[in-house]
């Protein structure tokens, strides 16, 4: 991973996707990509996937 200026959370690789998600979002930011994950309780109540991922910008070499 590129040396970034952001915070690096300590990650237990066996803990699951929650910790890794922060690292992925930070890495995307270092590459010039704006990204977000949104969790929507209303969508959960409707039986739809609760989250949405959006990304824009770049470039990502070899993506």
C-alpha atoms as a PDB file:
ATOM      1  CA  UNK A   1       0.000   0.000   0.000  1.00  0.00           C
ATOM      2  CA  UNK A   2       1.302   3.465  -0.799  1.00  0.00           C
ATOM      3  CA  UNK A   3       2.597   5.562   2.057  1.00  0.00           C
ATOM      4  CA  UNK A   4      -0.267   7.944   2.793  1.00  0.00           C
ATOM      5  CA  UNK A   5      -0.810  10.880   5.046  1.00  0.00           C
ATOM      6  CA  UNK A   6      -3.988   9.482   6.602  1.00  0.00           C
ATOM      7  CA  UNK A   7      -4.513   7.497   9.752  1.00  0.00           C
ATOM      8  CA  UNK A   8      -3.768   3.801   9.669  1.00  0.00           C
ATOM      9  CA  UNK A   9      -6.057   1.796  11.937  1.00  0.00           C
ATOM     10  CA  UNK A  10      -4.598  -1.288  13.553  1.00  0.00           C
ATOM     11  CA  UNK A  11      -6.254  -4.178  11.773  1.00  0.00           C
ATOM     12  CA  UNK A  12      -6.805  -7.691  13.046  1.00  0.00           C
ATOM     13  CA  UNK A  13      -6.904  -9.610   9.771  1.00  0.00           C
ATOM     14  CA  UNK A  14      -9.300 -12.123  11.320  1.00  0.00           C
ATOM     15  CA  UNK A  15     -11.796  -9.469  12.479  1.00  0.00           C
ATOM     16  CA  UNK A  16     -13.738  -9.170   9.242  1.00  0.00           C
ATOM     17  CA  UNK A  17     -14.673  -6.655   6.614  1.00  0.00           C
ATOM     18  CA  UNK A  18     -15.358  -3.725   8.948  1.00  0.00           C
ATOM     19  CA  UNK A  19     -11.695  -2.877   9.544  1.00  0.00           C
ATOM     20  CA  UNK A  20     -10.629  -3.640   5.989  1.00  0.00           C
ATOM     21  CA  UNK A  21     -13.294  -1.287   4.614  1.00  0.00           C
ATOM     22  CA  UNK A  22     -11.566   1.695   6.215  1.00  0.00           C
ATOM     23  CA  UNK A  23      -8.247   0.706   4.680  1.00  0.00           C
ATOM     24  CA  UNK A  24      -9.805   0.311   1.223  1.00  0.00           C
ATOM     25  CA  UNK A  25     -11.513   3.720   1.412  1.00  0.00           C
ATOM     26  CA  UNK A  26      -8.278   5.366   2.547  1.00  0.00           C
ATOM     27  CA  UNK A  27      -6.324   3.682  -0.271  1.00  0.00           C
ATOM     28  CA  UNK A  28      -8.878   4.876  -2.821  1.00  0.00           C
ATOM     29  CA  UNK A  29      -8.470   8.425  -1.480  1.00  0.00           C
ATOM     30  CA  UNK A  30      -4.692   8.157  -1.861  1.00  0.00           C
ATOM     31  CA  UNK A  31      -5.249   7.241  -5.514  1.00  0.00           C
ATOM     32  CA  UNK A  32      -7.356  10.354  -6.098  1.00  0.00           C
ATOM     33  CA  UNK A  33     -10.694   8.558  -5.947  1.00  0.00           C
ATOM     34  CA  UNK A  34     -13.560   9.996  -3.932  1.00  0.00           C
ATOM     35  CA  UNK A  35     -15.513   7.123  -2.370  1.00  0.00           C
ATOM     36  CA  UNK A  36     -18.227   6.584   0.177  1.00  0.00           C
ATOM     37  CA  UNK A  37     -20.357   3.838   1.660  1.00  0.00           C
ATOM     38  CA  UNK A  38     -23.864   4.700   2.754  1.00  0.00           C
ATOM     39  CA  UNK A  39     -26.053   2.538   4.969  1.00  0.00           C
ATOM     40  CA  UNK A  40     -29.769   3.184   4.638  1.00  0.00           C
ATOM     41  CA  UNK A  41     -32.111   1.801   7.308  1.00  0.00           C
ATOM     42  CA  UNK A  42     -35.151   2.460   5.116  1.00  0.00           C
ATOM     43  CA  UNK A  43     -33.763   0.176   2.411  1.00  0.00           C
ATOM     44  CA  UNK A  44     -33.221  -2.519   5.052  1.00  0.00           C
ATOM     45  CA  UNK A  45     -36.853  -2.287   6.120  1.00  0.00           C
ATOM     46  CA  UNK A  46     -37.871  -2.708   2.465  1.00  0.00           C
ATOM     47  CA  UNK A  47     -35.802  -5.903   2.183  1.00  0.00           C
ATOM     48  CA  UNK A  48     -33.229  -4.340  -0.147  1.00  0.00           C
ATOM     49  CA  UNK A  49     -29.466  -4.291   0.339  1.00  0.00           C
ATOM     50  CA  UNK A  50     -28.779  -1.826   3.136  1.00  0.00           C
ATOM     51  CA  UNK A  51     -25.684  -0.218   1.694  1.00  0.00           C
ATOM     52  CA  UNK A  52     -24.595   1.667  -1.391  1.00  0.00           C
ATOM     53  CA  UNK A  53     -21.039   2.218  -2.609  1.00  0.00           C
ATOM     54  CA  UNK A  54     -20.165   5.196  -4.798  1.00  0.00           C
ATOM     55  CA  UNK A  55     -16.797   6.213  -6.240  1.00  0.00           C
ATOM     56  CA  UNK A  56     -15.660   8.898  -8.658  1.00  0.00           C
ATOM     57  CA  UNK A  57     -12.442  10.384  -9.940  1.00  0.00           C
ATOM     58  CA  UNK A  58      -9.186   8.623 -10.397  1.00  0.00           C
ATOM     59  CA  UNK A  59      -7.218   7.442 -12.195  1.00  0.00           C
ATOM     60  CA  UNK A  60      -6.635   3.921 -10.969  1.00  0.00           C
ATOM     61  CA  UNK A  61      -3.763   2.328 -12.896  1.00  0.00           C
ATOM     62  CA  UNK A  62      -4.506  -1.276 -13.796  1.00  0.00           C
ATOM     63  CA  UNK A  63      -7.884  -1.148 -12.078  1.00  0.00           C
END
